[in-house]
Amino acid sequence: MKNFFIIAFMLLTTLTYSQDKFIGEWTSNGLATDMTIEVVDNKLNIKCVSSTSYKPLETTNVVYKNNKITLDNYFKPNNWSSKKIIEYKNTDTLLVTISSKIGLYEIAYIKK
């Protein structure tokens, strides 16, 4: 039983640390959205706003798996939806693959 608790603690610590590297404010430098990533009650909380109008996007289906974050975005003013896959590159850069009705593209997000 003691080993179970040790393994569970190590697993939770590793998962929390892995998510922590994504935390912060990130910008696409006007190419897509700006994101704020934080952990609230041990869950990832991601807020996205348009880089041009600064209006918020609805963010749903946030999943952290295999050191990547996937999420869906919806921008109500123009009925635009997209899916993002976010990968950690280094302390200052996230690589984001965005798929939408116009195709697939990759953007480097820089920490603000």
N, C-alpha and C. Protein backbone atom coordinates (compact mmCIF):
# COMPACT_ATOMS: atom_id res chain seq x y z
N MET A 1 0.83 -1.19 0.00
CA MET A 1 0.00 0.00 0.00
C MET A 1 0.88 1.25 0.00
N LYS A 2 1.96 1.20 0.76
CA LYS A 2 2.87 2.34 0.82
C LYS A 2 3.44 2.64 -0.57
N ASN A 3 3.81 1.61 -1.31
CA ASN A 3 4.33 1.79 -2.67
C ASN A 3 3.30 2.42 -3.59
N PHE A 4 2.04 2.05 -3.41
CA PHE A 4 0.97 2.63 -4.22
C PHE A 4 0.92 4.14 -4.03
N PHE A 5 0.97 4.60 -2.79
CA PHE A 5 0.91 6.03 -2.52
C PHE A 5 2.14 6.75 -3.05
N ILE A 6 3.29 6.12 -2.95
CA ILE A 6 4.52 6.73 -3.48
C ILE A 6 4.42 6.88 -4.99
N ILE A 7 3.97 5.84 -5.67
CA ILE A 7 3.84 5.88 -7.13
C ILE A 7 2.78 6.90 -7.54
N ALA A 8 1.65 6.93 -6.84
CA ALA A 8 0.59 7.90 -7.16
C ALA A 8 1.10 9.33 -6.98
N PHE A 9 1.84 9.59 -5.90
CA PHE A 9 2.38 10.92 -5.66
C PHE A 9 3.36 11.32 -6.76
N MET A 10 4.24 10.38 -7.13
CA MET A 10 5.22 10.68 -8.19
C MET A 10 4.53 10.95 -9.52
N LEU A 11 3.50 10.19 -9.83
CA LEU A 11 2.77 10.39 -11.07
C LEU A 11 2.08 11.74 -11.10
N LEU A 12 1.39 12.10 -10.01
CA LEU A 12 0.72 13.41 -9.95
C LEU A 12 1.71 14.56 -10.03
N THR A 13 2.85 14.41 -9.36
CA THR A 13 3.88 15.45 -9.40
C THR A 13 4.41 15.61 -10.81
N THR A 14 4.67 14.52 -11.50
CA THR A 14 5.18 14.56 -12.87
C THR A 14 4.16 15.19 -13.81
N LEU A 15 2.89 14.81 -13.69
CA LEU A 15 1.86 15.38 -14.56
C LEU A 15 1.70 16.87 -14.33
N THR A 16 1.70 17.29 -13.06
CA THR A 16 1.56 18.71 -12.75
C THR A 16 2.75 19.49 -13.30
N TYR A 17 3.97 18.97 -13.14
CA TYR A 17 5.15 19.66 -13.65
C TYR A 17 5.10 19.75 -15.17
N SER A 18 4.67 18.68 -15.82
CA SER A 18 4.60 18.67 -17.28
C SER A 18 3.65 19.76 -17.78
N GLN A 19 2.53 19.93 -17.11
CA GLN A 19 1.57 20.96 -17.50
C GLN A 19 2.11 22.35 -17.19
N ASP A 20 2.86 22.48 -16.11
CA ASP A 20 3.35 23.79 -15.67
C ASP A 20 4.20 24.49 -16.72
N LYS A 21 4.89 23.75 -17.57
CA LYS A 21 5.74 24.40 -18.57
C LYS A 21 4.94 25.18 -19.60
N PHE A 22 3.64 24.91 -19.70
CA PHE A 22 2.77 25.62 -20.64
C PHE A 22 2.19 26.91 -20.05
N ILE A 23 2.27 27.06 -18.73
CA ILE A 23 1.62 28.18 -18.04
C ILE A 23 2.22 29.51 -18.46
N GLY A 24 1.34 30.48 -18.71
CA GLY A 24 1.79 31.82 -19.03
C GLY A 24 0.90 32.48 -20.06
N GLU A 25 1.31 33.66 -20.48
CA GLU A 25 0.62 34.41 -21.53
C GLU A 25 1.42 34.26 -22.81
N TRP A 26 0.74 33.88 -23.89
CA TRP A 26 1.39 33.57 -25.16
C TRP A 26 0.75 34.37 -26.29
N THR A 27 1.56 34.80 -27.24
CA THR A 27 1.05 35.56 -28.38
C THR A 27 1.50 34.94 -29.69
N SER A 28 0.64 35.06 -30.68
CA SER A 28 0.98 34.62 -32.04
C SER A 28 1.48 35.80 -32.86
N ASN A 29 1.70 36.94 -32.22
CA ASN A 29 2.14 38.17 -32.88
C ASN A 29 1.20 38.59 -34.01
N GLY A 30 -0.10 38.51 -33.72
CA GLY A 30 -1.10 38.98 -34.68
C GLY A 30 -1.52 37.98 -35.73
N LEU A 31 -0.98 36.77 -35.71
CA LEU A 31 -1.32 35.78 -36.73
C LEU A 31 -2.59 35.00 -36.43
N ALA A 32 -2.95 34.86 -35.17
CA ALA A 32 -4.13 34.06 -34.82
C ALA A 32 -4.77 34.58 -33.54
N THR A 33 -4.39 33.97 -32.42
CA THR A 33 -4.96 34.35 -31.13
C THR A 33 -3.84 34.59 -30.12
N ASP A 34 -4.20 35.19 -29.02
CA ASP A 34 -3.34 35.25 -27.85
C ASP A 34 -3.96 34.32 -26.82
N MET A 35 -3.12 33.63 -26.05
CA MET A 35 -3.61 32.64 -25.08
C MET A 35 -3.05 32.91 -23.70
N THR A 36 -3.88 32.66 -22.71
CA THR A 36 -3.44 32.61 -21.33
C THR A 36 -3.70 31.20 -20.84
N ILE A 37 -2.64 30.53 -20.40
CA ILE A 37 -2.75 29.16 -19.92
C ILE A 37 -2.41 29.14 -18.44
N GLU A 38 -3.31 28.57 -17.65
CA GLU A 38 -3.09 28.46 -16.22
C GLU A 38 -3.67 27.14 -15.71
N VAL A 39 -3.27 26.76 -14.53
CA VAL A 39 -3.83 25.57 -13.88
C VAL A 39 -4.70 26.05 -12.72
N VAL A 40 -5.98 25.67 -12.76
CA VAL A 40 -6.93 26.03 -11.71
C VAL A 40 -7.56 24.74 -11.20
N ASP A 41 -7.46 24.49 -9.91
CA ASP A 41 -7.98 23.26 -9.30
C ASP A 41 -7.46 22.02 -10.03
N ASN A 42 -6.16 22.00 -10.33
CA ASN A 42 -5.49 20.90 -11.01
C ASN A 42 -6.02 20.62 -12.42
N LYS A 43 -6.64 21.61 -13.03
CA LYS A 43 -7.11 21.48 -14.41
C LYS A 43 -6.55 22.63 -15.23
N LEU A 44 -6.23 22.33 -16.48
CA LEU A 44 -5.78 23.40 -17.37
C LEU A 44 -6.94 24.32 -17.70
N ASN A 45 -6.69 25.61 -17.60
CA ASN A 45 -7.67 26.63 -17.95
C ASN A 45 -7.02 27.49 -19.04
N ILE A 46 -7.62 27.52 -20.21
CA ILE A 46 -7.04 28.26 -21.33
C ILE A 46 -8.05 29.28 -21.83
N LYS A 47 -7.60 30.52 -21.89
CA LYS A 47 -8.42 31.61 -22.43
C LYS A 47 -7.74 32.11 -23.69
N CYS A 48 -8.52 32.21 -24.75
CA CYS A 48 -8.01 32.69 -26.04
C CYS A 48 -8.77 33.94 -26.45
N VAL A 49 -8.04 34.91 -27.02
CA VAL A 49 -8.67 36.10 -27.57
C VAL A 49 -8.11 36.32 -28.97
N SER A 50 -8.90 36.94 -29.82
CA SER A 50 -8.45 37.27 -31.17
C SER A 50 -7.28 38.24 -31.07
N SER A 51 -6.26 37.99 -31.86
CA SER A 51 -5.08 38.88 -31.85
C SER A 51 -5.36 40.22 -32.51
N THR A 52 -6.44 40.31 -33.27
CA THR A 52 -6.75 41.58 -33.94
C THR A 52 -7.86 42.36 -33.24
N SER A 53 -8.95 41.68 -32.85
CA SER A 53 -10.07 42.40 -32.22
C SER A 53 -10.03 42.30 -30.69
N TYR A 54 -9.24 41.40 -30.16
CA TYR A 54 -9.15 41.12 -28.72
C TYR A 54 -10.46 40.63 -28.12
N LYS A 55 -11.36 40.14 -28.97
CA LYS A 55 -12.60 39.54 -28.48
C LYS A 55 -12.31 38.09 -28.10
N PRO A 56 -12.97 37.61 -27.03
CA PRO A 56 -12.70 36.25 -26.57
C PRO A 56 -13.26 35.16 -27.50
N LEU A 57 -12.57 34.04 -27.50
CA LEU A 57 -13.04 32.85 -28.19
C LEU A 57 -13.55 31.88 -27.14
N GLU A 58 -14.51 31.08 -27.51
CA GLU A 58 -14.97 30.01 -26.64
C GLU A 58 -13.99 28.86 -26.76
N THR A 59 -13.45 28.41 -25.66
CA THR A 59 -12.48 27.31 -25.65
C THR A 59 -13.09 26.11 -24.95
N THR A 60 -13.12 24.97 -25.66
CA THR A 60 -13.72 23.75 -25.11
C THR A 60 -12.81 22.55 -25.38
N ASN A 61 -13.17 21.44 -24.79
CA ASN A 61 -12.49 20.16 -25.01
C ASN A 61 -10.98 20.24 -24.80
N VAL A 62 -10.56 20.86 -23.71
CA VAL A 62 -9.13 20.97 -23.39
C VAL A 62 -8.65 19.63 -22.83
N VAL A 63 -7.65 19.06 -23.51
CA VAL A 63 -7.11 17.76 -23.08
C VAL A 63 -5.58 17.83 -23.08
N TYR A 64 -4.98 17.37 -21.98
CA TYR A 64 -3.52 17.26 -21.90
C TYR A 64 -3.18 15.78 -22.01
N LYS A 65 -2.43 15.43 -23.04
CA LYS A 65 -2.06 14.02 -23.25
C LYS A 65 -0.78 13.97 -24.06
N ASN A 66 0.13 13.08 -23.68
CA ASN A 66 1.39 12.88 -24.39
C ASN A 66 2.18 14.19 -24.54
N ASN A 67 2.22 14.99 -23.47
CA ASN A 67 2.94 16.26 -23.45
C ASN A 67 2.44 17.26 -24.49
N LYS A 68 1.18 17.15 -24.87
CA LYS A 68 0.54 18.09 -25.80
C LYS A 68 -0.81 18.50 -25.22
N ILE A 69 -1.22 19.70 -25.58
CA ILE A 69 -2.55 20.17 -25.21
C ILE A 69 -3.36 20.26 -26.51
N THR A 70 -4.55 19.69 -26.50
CA THR A 70 -5.45 19.88 -27.63
C THR A 70 -6.69 20.62 -27.12
N LEU A 71 -7.25 21.44 -27.99
CA LEU A 71 -8.45 22.19 -27.62
C LEU A 71 -9.21 22.60 -28.86
N ASP A 72 -10.46 22.95 -28.66
CA ASP A 72 -11.30 23.50 -29.73
C ASP A 72 -11.58 24.95 -29.40
N ASN A 73 -11.54 25.79 -30.44
CA ASN A 73 -11.88 27.22 -30.30
C ASN A 73 -13.06 27.54 -31.20
N TYR A 74 -13.90 28.46 -30.71
CA TYR A 74 -15.02 28.94 -31.51
C TYR A 74 -15.09 30.46 -31.35
N PHE A 75 -15.12 31.16 -32.49
CA PHE A 75 -15.20 32.63 -32.48
C PHE A 75 -16.58 33.01 -33.02
N LYS A 76 -17.47 33.39 -32.11
CA LYS A 76 -18.87 33.63 -32.44
C LYS A 76 -19.10 34.74 -33.46
N PRO A 77 -18.37 35.88 -33.39
CA PRO A 77 -18.69 36.97 -34.32
C PRO A 77 -18.69 36.57 -35.81
N ASN A 78 -17.85 35.61 -36.20
CA ASN A 78 -17.86 35.20 -37.61
C ASN A 78 -18.07 33.69 -37.79
N ASN A 79 -18.55 33.03 -36.73
CA ASN A 79 -18.87 31.60 -36.79
C ASN A 79 -17.65 30.76 -37.20
N TRP A 80 -16.49 31.06 -36.63
CA TRP A 80 -15.23 30.40 -37.01
C TRP A 80 -14.85 29.39 -35.93
N SER A 81 -14.54 28.18 -36.35
CA SER A 81 -14.09 27.18 -35.39
C SER A 81 -12.75 26.59 -35.84
N SER A 82 -11.97 26.17 -34.86
CA SER A 82 -10.67 25.57 -35.16
C SER A 82 -10.28 24.61 -34.05
N LYS A 83 -9.32 23.78 -34.35
CA LYS A 83 -8.75 22.85 -33.37
C LYS A 83 -7.27 23.16 -33.26
N LYS A 84 -6.76 23.22 -32.03
CA LYS A 84 -5.34 23.50 -31.80
C LYS A 84 -4.68 22.32 -31.13
N ILE A 85 -3.46 22.03 -31.56
CA ILE A 85 -2.58 21.10 -30.87
C ILE A 85 -1.35 21.89 -30.46
N ILE A 86 -1.13 21.99 -29.16
CA ILE A 86 -0.07 22.84 -28.62
C ILE A 86 1.06 21.95 -28.10
N GLU A 87 2.27 22.23 -28.57
CA GLU A 87 3.46 21.50 -28.13
C GLU A 87 4.46 22.47 -27.54
N TYR A 88 5.13 22.05 -26.50
CA TYR A 88 6.15 22.85 -25.84
C TYR A 88 7.47 22.71 -26.59
N LYS A 89 8.05 23.85 -26.99
CA LYS A 89 9.37 23.83 -27.64
C LYS A 89 10.47 24.19 -26.64
N ASN A 90 10.29 25.35 -26.00
CA ASN A 90 11.23 25.78 -24.95
C ASN A 90 10.53 26.79 -24.05
N THR A 91 11.24 27.37 -23.11
CA THR A 91 10.61 28.25 -22.13
C THR A 91 9.94 29.47 -22.75
N ASP A 92 10.34 29.84 -23.96
CA ASP A 92 9.78 31.02 -24.60
C ASP A 92 8.91 30.74 -25.81
N THR A 93 8.76 29.47 -26.21
CA THR A 93 8.08 29.16 -27.47
C THR A 93 7.19 27.92 -27.36
N LEU A 94 5.97 28.06 -27.87
CA LEU A 94 5.07 26.93 -28.07
C LEU A 94 4.86 26.78 -29.58
N LEU A 95 4.81 25.55 -30.06
CA LEU A 95 4.48 25.29 -31.46
C LEU A 95 3.02 24.85 -31.50
N VAL A 96 2.21 25.57 -32.28
CA VAL A 96 0.78 25.31 -32.31
C VAL A 96 0.36 24.96 -33.73
N THR A 97 -0.26 23.79 -33.87
CA THR A 97 -0.83 23.36 -35.15
C THR A 97 -2.32 23.66 -35.08
N ILE A 98 -2.79 24.45 -36.04
CA ILE A 98 -4.19 24.86 -36.07
C ILE A 98 -4.85 24.28 -37.32
N SER A 99 -5.97 23.60 -37.11
CA SER A 99 -6.73 23.10 -38.25
C SER A 99 -8.10 23.76 -38.23
N SER A 100 -8.52 24.19 -39.42
CA SER A 100 -9.81 24.85 -39.57
C SER A 100 -10.34 24.53 -40.97
N LYS A 101 -11.44 25.17 -41.33
CA LYS A 101 -12.04 24.88 -42.64
C LYS A 101 -11.18 25.35 -43.82
N ILE A 102 -10.18 26.19 -43.56
CA ILE A 102 -9.32 26.62 -44.67
C ILE A 102 -8.02 25.82 -44.73
N GLY A 103 -7.81 24.91 -43.78
CA GLY A 103 -6.62 24.09 -43.86
C GLY A 103 -5.90 23.92 -42.54
N LEU A 104 -4.64 23.52 -42.66
CA LEU A 104 -3.80 23.21 -41.53
C LEU A 104 -2.56 24.11 -41.58
N TYR A 105 -2.23 24.73 -40.46
CA TYR A 105 -1.03 25.56 -40.45
C TYR A 105 -0.40 25.56 -39.07
N GLU A 106 0.88 25.88 -39.01
CA GLU A 106 1.63 25.90 -37.76
C GLU A 106 2.10 27.32 -37.45
N ILE A 107 1.99 27.67 -36.18
CA ILE A 107 2.39 29.00 -35.72
C ILE A 107 3.22 28.83 -34.45
N ALA A 108 4.28 29.60 -34.34
CA ALA A 108 5.05 29.64 -33.10
C ALA A 108 4.45 30.74 -32.23
N TYR A 109 4.07 30.37 -31.02
CA TYR A 109 3.58 31.33 -30.04
C TYR A 109 4.74 31.68 -29.12
N ILE A 110 4.89 32.97 -28.84
CA ILE A 110 5.99 33.49 -28.02
C ILE A 110 5.43 33.93 -26.67
N LYS A 111 6.17 33.64 -25.62
CA LYS A 111 5.74 34.05 -24.28
C LYS A 111 5.80 35.57 -24.17
N LYS A 112 4.75 36.16 -23.63
CA LYS A 112 4.70 37.62 -23.44
C LYS A 112 5.56 38.03 -22.27
